[in-house]
Protein backbone atom coordinates (compact mmCIF):
# COMPACT_ATOMS: atom_id res chain seq x y z
CA MET A 1 0.21 -0.12 -0.06
CA ASN A 2 1.15 3.32 -0.77
CA SER A 3 1.30 6.36 1.80
CA GLN A 4 1.00 9.85 0.92
CA SER A 5 4.22 12.03 1.40
CA ILE A 6 3.98 15.00 3.68
CA SER A 7 5.34 18.29 2.21
CA PRO A 8 8.45 19.95 3.88
CA ARG A 9 6.22 23.09 3.92
CA ILE A 10 3.43 21.64 5.96
CA VAL A 11 6.13 20.37 8.46
CA GLU A 12 7.63 23.97 8.54
CA HIS A 13 4.18 25.26 9.45
CA PHE A 14 3.50 22.79 11.91
CA VAL A 15 6.94 23.39 13.83
CA GLY A 16 6.39 27.22 13.53
CA LEU A 17 2.80 26.93 15.15
CA LEU A 18 4.39 24.48 17.77
CA ALA A 19 7.18 27.02 18.48
CA LEU A 20 4.83 30.11 18.45
CA THR A 21 2.52 27.96 21.04
CA PHE A 22 5.62 27.34 23.46
CA LEU A 23 6.33 30.95 23.10
CA ALA A 24 2.99 32.06 23.93
CA ALA A 25 3.01 29.85 26.91
CA GLY A 26 6.29 31.11 27.87
CA LEU A 27 5.12 34.84 27.81
CA LEU A 28 1.85 34.12 29.65
CA THR A 29 3.79 32.26 32.37
CA TYR A 30 6.50 35.13 32.61
CA ALA A 31 3.49 37.59 32.45
CA LEU A 32 1.48 35.79 35.51
CA GLN A 33 5.01 35.33 37.45
CA GLU A 34 6.41 39.13 37.00
CA PRO A 35 4.28 40.54 39.72
CA GLN A 36 5.73 38.15 42.01
CA ARG A 37 9.06 38.55 40.82
CA ILE A 38 9.08 42.20 41.20
CA LEU A 39 7.49 42.09 44.58
CA THR A 40 10.22 39.47 45.55
CA ALA A 41 13.06 41.47 43.99
CA GLN A 42 11.76 44.72 45.93
CA ALA A 43 11.68 42.85 49.19
CA ALA A 44 15.21 41.46 48.64
CA GLN A 45 16.44 45.26 47.82
CA LEU A 46 14.70 46.52 50.89
CA ALA A 47 16.22 43.79 53.20
CA THR A 48 19.87 44.94 51.89
CA ASP A 49 18.94 48.55 52.31
CA LEU A 50 17.61 48.26 55.90
CA ASP A 51 20.80 46.02 56.63
CA GLU A 52 23.18 48.77 55.65
CA SER A 53 21.00 51.47 57.18
CA MET A 54 21.15 49.77 60.61
CA THR A 55 24.88 50.00 60.48
CA ILE A 56 24.72 53.59 59.35
CA TYR A 57 22.38 54.38 61.97
CA ALA A 58 24.55 52.53 64.82
CA GLN A 59 27.58 54.50 63.91
CA ASN A 60 26.09 57.72 63.74
CA CYS A 61 22.71 58.25 65.20
CA ALA A 62 22.36 55.87 68.13
CA VAL A 63 24.37 58.13 70.70
CA CYS A 64 21.61 60.55 70.43
CA HIS A 65 18.56 58.89 69.37
CA GLY A 66 19.19 55.78 71.28
CA LEU A 67 19.37 51.88 70.96
CA ALA A 68 16.02 51.71 69.10
CA GLY A 69 14.86 55.26 68.31
CA GLU A 70 13.59 55.84 71.63
CA GLY A 71 15.31 59.31 71.80
CA ILE A 72 17.59 60.24 74.52
CA GLY A 73 17.02 63.21 76.86
CA SER A 74 15.66 66.02 74.70
CA THR A 75 16.58 64.51 71.54
CA PRO A 76 13.38 63.37 69.69
CA ALA A 77 12.33 59.69 69.11
CA LEU A 78 12.49 58.38 65.77
CA ARG A 79 10.27 55.31 66.61
CA ARG A 80 6.80 57.27 66.30
CA PRO A 81 3.95 56.69 63.99
CA GLU A 82 4.22 60.13 62.61
CA MET A 83 7.72 59.61 61.69
CA GLN A 84 6.57 56.70 59.56
CA SER A 85 3.88 58.59 57.96
CA ALA A 86 5.85 62.16 57.33
CA ASP A 87 7.09 63.11 53.85
CA PRO A 88 10.27 61.25 52.98
CA GLY A 89 11.72 64.53 51.21
CA SER A 90 11.21 66.23 54.29
CA LEU A 91 13.14 63.73 56.53
CA ASN A 92 15.75 63.72 53.83
CA LYS A 93 16.15 67.59 54.23
CA VAL A 94 16.27 67.60 57.93
CA ILE A 95 19.17 64.73 57.98
CA SER A 96 21.03 66.40 55.23
CA ARG A 97 20.99 69.71 56.31
CA GLY A 98 20.55 69.55 60.01
CA LEU A 99 18.10 71.87 62.18
CA TYR A 100 19.28 75.26 63.13
CA ASN A 101 19.90 75.99 66.66
CA THR A 102 19.38 72.30 68.00
CA SER A 103 21.99 69.43 68.43
CA MET A 104 20.89 68.00 65.08
CA PRO A 105 24.06 68.95 62.85
CA ALA A 106 23.89 68.33 58.89
CA TRP A 107 25.11 64.83 57.89
CA ASN A 108 25.14 65.42 54.06
CA LEU A 109 28.71 65.74 52.59
CA GLU A 110 27.89 68.98 50.74
CA ASP A 111 26.83 70.37 54.10
CA GLY A 112 29.97 69.33 56.05
CA GLY A 113 28.84 65.77 57.06
CA PRO A 114 30.09 62.47 56.70
CA LEU A 115 27.24 60.93 54.64
CA ARG A 116 26.44 60.58 51.11
CA ASP A 117 23.07 60.96 49.36
CA TYR A 118 22.19 57.33 49.39
CA GLN A 119 23.24 56.86 52.88
CA ILE A 120 20.83 59.39 53.92
CA GLY A 121 18.03 57.86 51.83
CA LEU A 122 18.73 54.68 53.41
CA LEU A 123 18.16 56.20 57.02
CA VAL A 124 15.01 57.59 55.72
CA THR A 125 13.84 54.10 54.65
CA LEU A 126 14.93 53.02 58.05
CA ILE A 127 12.86 55.50 60.09
CA GLN A 128 9.89 54.81 58.03
CA ARG A 129 10.08 51.04 57.20
CA GLY A 130 12.67 49.38 59.66
CA ASP A 131 12.04 47.16 62.76
CA TRP A 132 13.44 48.79 65.78
CA GLN A 133 14.03 45.70 67.66
CA THR A 134 16.31 44.50 64.90
CA VAL A 135 17.86 47.97 65.00
CA GLN A 136 18.66 47.83 68.59
CA ASP A 137 20.21 44.24 68.04
CA ARG A 138 22.55 45.62 65.47
CA VAL A 139 23.56 48.48 67.70
CA VAL A 140 24.33 46.23 70.45
CA ASN A 141 26.30 43.70 68.48
CA LEU A 142 28.30 46.31 67.05
CA GLY A 143 29.36 47.47 70.46
CA LEU A 144 27.80 50.97 69.81
CA ALA A 145 25.12 50.94 72.31
CA PRO A 146 24.93 54.41 74.40
CA LEU A 147 26.41 53.54 77.67
CA VAL A 148 25.35 56.77 79.22
CA PRO A 149 22.01 55.97 81.14
CA PHE A 150 19.15 58.47 81.18
CA SER A 151 18.59 59.05 84.67
CA ALA A 152 19.84 58.31 88.18
CA GLN A 153 18.45 58.00 91.64
CA PRO A 154 19.59 60.50 94.00
CA ASP A 155 20.78 59.43 97.33
CA PRO A 156 17.96 59.82 99.73
CA ALA A 157 20.21 60.48 102.75
CA LEU A 158 22.29 63.10 100.96
CA ILE A 159 19.20 64.63 99.60
CA GLU A 160 17.89 64.95 103.17
CA LEU A 161 21.24 66.56 104.06
CA THR A 162 21.04 69.07 101.18
CA SER A 163 17.48 70.18 102.24
CA THR A 164 19.05 71.42 105.45
CA LEU A 165 21.07 74.04 103.63
CA PRO A 166 19.77 77.39 102.77
CA ASP A 167 17.35 77.39 100.45
CA GLY A 168 17.77 73.58 100.33
CA GLU A 169 14.49 72.67 98.64
CA THR A 170 15.72 74.61 95.56
CA LEU A 171 18.80 72.62 95.58
CA VAL A 172 16.97 69.45 96.16
CA GLN A 173 14.60 70.13 92.99
CA GLY A 174 17.67 71.19 91.07
CA ILE A 175 19.31 67.57 91.98
CA GLU A 176 16.26 65.91 90.91
CA THR A 177 16.02 67.49 87.86
CA TYR A 178 19.68 67.04 86.92
CA ALA A 179 19.24 63.36 87.74
CA ASN A 180 16.37 62.97 85.50
CA GLU A 181 17.51 65.04 82.53
CA CYS A 182 21.22 65.80 82.61
CA VAL A 183 23.09 63.27 84.08
CA ALA A 184 23.00 61.23 80.97
CA CYS A 185 25.54 63.44 79.17
CA HIS A 186 27.24 65.34 82.09
CA GLY A 187 27.63 62.69 84.52
CA PRO A 188 27.46 61.98 88.14
CA ASP A 189 27.66 64.72 90.61
CA GLY A 190 28.23 67.11 87.29
CA LEU A 191 31.80 65.75 86.70
CA GLY A 192 31.44 65.57 83.20
CA THR A 193 31.48 62.37 80.56
CA SER A 194 33.08 62.01 77.05
CA LEU A 195 29.77 63.61 75.64
CA ALA A 196 29.61 66.73 77.75
CA PRO A 197 31.64 68.86 79.92
CA ALA A 198 31.65 68.95 83.88
CA LEU A 199 29.08 71.36 85.57
CA ASN A 200 30.65 71.02 88.81
CA THR A 201 33.71 73.31 88.58
CA ALA A 202 34.85 76.58 90.34
CA ASP A 203 35.08 78.38 86.82
CA LEU A 204 31.49 77.53 86.15
CA ARG A 205 30.20 78.67 89.50
CA LEU A 206 31.93 82.01 88.76
CA LYS A 207 30.10 82.58 85.36
CA ASP A 208 27.35 84.91 85.09
CA THR A 209 23.95 83.07 85.82
CA SER A 210 22.42 84.58 82.66
CA THR A 211 25.02 82.91 80.38
CA VAL A 212 24.51 79.69 82.13
CA GLU A 213 20.77 80.15 81.69
CA ARG A 214 20.89 81.00 78.23
CA THR A 215 23.04 77.97 77.32
CA ILE A 216 20.21 75.80 79.18
CA LEU A 217 17.39 77.37 77.33
CA ASN A 218 18.90 77.73 73.96
CA GLY A 219 21.61 74.85 73.66
CA VAL A 220 24.90 75.18 71.89
CA PRO A 221 24.82 74.74 68.25
CA GLY A 222 26.99 72.03 66.61
CA THR A 223 27.07 70.12 69.97
CA LEU A 224 24.86 67.65 71.69
CA MET A 225 23.61 70.31 73.85
CA ALA A 226 20.14 70.70 72.75
CA PRO A 227 17.67 73.82 74.05
CA TRP A 228 15.55 72.82 76.77
CA GLN A 229 13.35 75.85 77.00
CA ASP A 230 10.55 73.45 75.75
CA ALA A 231 11.26 70.81 78.06
CA LEU A 232 11.79 72.30 81.39
CA SER A 233 9.82 74.88 83.15
CA MET A 234 11.36 77.96 84.04
CA GLU A 235 11.14 76.51 87.89
CA GLN A 236 13.30 73.63 87.26
CA VAL A 237 15.89 75.91 85.09
CA ALA A 238 16.24 78.14 88.15
CA SER A 239 16.83 75.05 90.39
CA LEU A 240 19.61 74.02 88.02
CA LEU A 241 21.11 77.36 88.06
CA ALA A 242 21.00 76.99 91.90
CA LEU A 243 22.59 73.76 91.64
CA ILE A 244 25.33 74.50 89.34
CA THR A 245 26.55 77.86 91.08
CA ARG A 246 26.33 76.11 94.71
CA TRP A 247 27.55 72.40 93.86
CA ASP A 248 30.27 72.86 96.00
CA GLU A 249 27.94 72.80 98.98
CA VAL A 250 25.98 69.67 97.86
CA PRO A 251 27.34 66.48 99.43
CA ASN A 252 29.51 64.21 97.20
CA GLY A 253 27.61 61.06 95.94
CA ALA A 254 24.24 62.79 95.94
CA ILE A 255 23.84 61.96 92.06
CA PRO A 256 25.62 58.62 91.66
CA ALA A 257 26.34 56.98 88.32
CA PRO A 258 22.82 55.20 87.23
CA ASP A 259 23.01 51.40 87.39
CA ARG A 260 21.96 50.46 83.76
CA SER A 261 22.63 47.10 82.42
CA LEU A 262 24.12 46.79 78.83
CA PRO A 263 21.81 45.41 76.50
CA VAL A 264 22.58 42.12 75.12
CA THR A 265 21.77 39.74 72.31
CA GLU A 266 22.17 35.90 71.95
CA GLN A 267 25.20 37.10 69.32
CA SER A 268 26.65 39.32 72.03
CA LEU A 269 26.36 36.74 74.74
CA GLN A 270 28.19 34.16 72.84
CA LEU A 271 31.10 36.78 71.87
CA GLY A 272 31.29 37.47 75.62
CA ALA A 273 31.58 33.63 76.54
CA ASP A 274 34.22 33.12 73.75
CA LEU A 275 36.28 36.03 75.11
CA TYR A 276 35.94 35.27 78.64
CA ALA A 277 37.28 31.67 77.89
CA GLN A 278 40.11 33.01 76.01
CA SER A 279 40.96 36.06 78.07
CA CYS A 280 39.59 35.95 81.59
CA SER A 281 38.90 32.41 82.79
CA ARG A 282 42.69 31.47 83.56
CA CYS A 283 42.78 33.96 86.31
CA HIS A 284 39.03 34.21 87.29
CA GLY A 285 38.01 30.61 86.75
CA LEU A 286 36.09 28.81 84.04
CA GLU A 287 32.79 29.68 85.72
CA GLY A 288 34.07 32.81 87.28
CA GLN A 289 34.32 31.01 90.75
CA GLY A 290 38.05 32.85 91.27
CA THR A 291 41.27 31.42 91.84
CA PRO A 292 44.21 31.86 94.05
CA ARG A 293 45.38 34.53 91.47
CA ALA A 294 42.05 36.49 91.24
CA PRO A 295 38.75 37.12 92.90
CA SER A 296 35.68 35.48 92.07
CA LEU A 297 33.25 37.37 89.72
CA ASN A 298 30.42 34.72 89.83
CA VAL A 299 28.92 35.60 93.25
CA LYS A 300 26.27 37.54 94.31
CA GLY A 301 27.89 40.24 96.46
CA TYR A 302 30.35 41.13 93.50
CA LEU A 303 27.48 41.25 90.86
CA GLU A 304 25.01 43.41 92.95
CA GLN A 305 27.53 46.01 94.13
CA THR A 306 29.04 46.30 90.78
CA ASN A 307 27.37 47.70 88.00
CA ASP A 308 27.81 47.35 84.37
CA LEU A 309 29.69 50.55 83.67
CA ALA A 310 31.97 50.04 86.59
CA MET A 311 32.80 46.55 85.46
CA GLN A 312 33.56 47.78 82.07
CA GLN A 313 35.88 50.48 83.39
CA ILE A 314 37.75 47.81 85.55
CA ILE A 315 38.15 45.76 82.19
CA THR A 316 39.12 48.59 80.23
CA SER A 317 41.72 50.36 82.43
CA GLY A 318 42.76 47.76 84.85
CA VAL A 319 43.18 47.77 88.53
CA PRO A 320 46.54 49.51 89.13
CA GLY A 321 48.78 47.77 91.59
CA THR A 322 47.15 44.41 91.10
CA SER A 323 47.33 41.66 88.71
CA MET A 324 44.45 42.76 86.70
CA PRO A 325 45.54 44.43 83.37
CA ALA A 326 43.95 47.02 81.20
CA TRP A 327 42.19 45.45 78.31
CA GLY A 328 41.18 48.59 76.42
CA ASP A 329 44.39 48.42 74.26
CA ARG A 330 43.73 44.78 73.36
CA LEU A 331 39.92 44.40 72.86
CA ALA A 332 37.57 46.52 71.21
CA ASP A 333 34.68 48.22 73.09
CA ALA A 334 32.17 45.73 71.70
CA GLU A 335 34.20 43.15 72.92
CA ILE A 336 34.62 44.44 76.36
CA GLN A 337 30.89 45.17 76.49
CA ALA A 338 29.86 41.60 75.47
CA ILE A 339 32.37 40.41 78.49
CA VAL A 340 30.50 42.44 80.74
CA GLY A 341 26.91 41.16 79.33
CA PHE A 342 28.17 37.61 79.76
CA ILE A 343 29.42 37.98 83.31
CA ARG A 344 26.31 39.78 84.27
CA SER A 345 24.13 36.93 82.94
CA TRP A 346 25.44 34.77 85.84
CA GLU A 347 23.77 36.94 88.19
CA PRO A 348 20.45 35.13 88.54
CA THR A 349 22.16 31.92 89.52
CA ALA A 350 25.11 33.35 91.22
CA PRO A 351 26.04 31.89 94.61
CA GLU A 352 25.94 33.68 97.92
CA VAL A 353 29.55 32.35 98.47
CA ALA A 354 32.12 31.24 95.78
CA THR A 355 34.57 28.40 95.94
CA PRO A 356 37.63 29.41 94.03
CA ALA A 357 39.14 26.97 91.74
CA ARG A 358 42.74 25.65 92.06
CA GLY A 359 45.01 26.78 89.35
CA GLY A 360 45.14 29.89 87.53
CA GLY A 361 48.91 30.63 87.98
CA PRO A 362 51.02 30.92 91.27
CA TRP A 363 50.25 34.20 92.78
CA TRP A 364 54.00 35.63 92.27
CA SER A 365 53.38 35.39 88.50
CA THR A 366 51.02 38.27 88.62
CA GLU A 367 52.30 41.89 87.96
CA GLY A 368 54.09 43.24 90.82
CA GLY A 369 54.21 39.60 92.60
CA THR A 370 57.24 38.73 94.67
CA ARG A 371 59.61 36.04 93.39
CA PRO A 372 60.22 33.27 95.75
CA SER A 373 63.84 33.31 96.98
CA GLY A 374 66.12 31.45 94.73
CA GLY A 375 63.63 31.51 91.91
CA PRO A 376 64.81 31.98 88.57
CA PRO A 377 65.49 35.39 87.24
CA TRP A 378 62.38 35.60 84.84
CA MET A 379 59.98 35.52 87.47
CA PRO A 380 58.86 38.88 88.34
CA SER A 381 59.86 40.67 91.73
CA GLY A 382 57.98 43.44 93.37
CA GLY A 383 55.88 44.45 96.24
CA ILE A 384 52.72 42.48 96.15
CA GLN A 385 52.32 39.63 98.95
CA PRO A 386 50.31 36.58 98.12
CA ASP A 387 47.13 37.85 100.34
CA GLN A 388 47.31 41.28 98.71
CA GLY A 389 47.07 39.47 95.29
CA ARG A 390 44.00 37.49 96.15
CA ASN A 391 42.23 40.81 97.01
CA GLY A 392 43.13 42.49 93.72
CA GLN A 393 41.27 42.26 90.54
């Protein structure tokens, strides 16, 4: 039986139609998937932008606006609904050019700041679309958490003593206002910090009070000193002026350093644990129980009596005359803060009495220790005796 042959033209038409069908199906599939692809790409870009913006915020903004945009002192909060709905162009302008006569400086390179246009745009995105808890974690993990606490609790006994001074009630109000509003930057007892100068000085007490009052009310442009005229009543301002001009009459310690714990994250705690094991455990014990070379850290008395800022200072600067060296030139601030956070994590289960571990090196191997007679010449010699060495940190 003979079969009819198929012409090449029919085959070409069939293949072309088949190809067109596949192309149409592909285009339809692409068209259906394109909106989701765009959304996925936008989400990925937003995640990338927010990731970069959190680091920019931590490095430049957290010191004034707080760990999570909550604001510090008179510096306004960024974590507010009205900021999320604000005009992006207006926010960009404020960040770029700053706000005249406030502590908000210009951040754009063209206006003398350190940030480029796209970085400022990222900050606007963060303010309006970021997750502030994630921002807080980033600030903490980078070791850039503002360490200056917001307020302090004045010593009640010293407040009582101050109230017996002439016009003591005004001084007491000044102490309370300072503790709530000023200690964050100017430090305990007005002795100053790295953020702001001391107010408890003989030179300042000799200044004209009207000059000091103008500074409080109007702030100092280009510094962290914001104007307080809208945040404080004139009565509070007057009490602060009385405190500043009569601080030499106020008992020392009336406004102590606030006891504020350093914020921690799972990542910072792990870093602290690793660094403690590497740098601290040989002297203080694997679990902070202490050794003959250094005292216990994991004991209720020490943890209750030593706040985080004091602990950080001890680790950073060491304790002269003891075997506790200064770690500030070996570890970054973030690493020291991580160690403090790890040590603080022991507090809920810390024992009342510690049982020091054996080892940790002989007492005479500490800095300043006295070498046993007849010991080899590489052993240090000096003035600390065994019992003294145990009491040092």
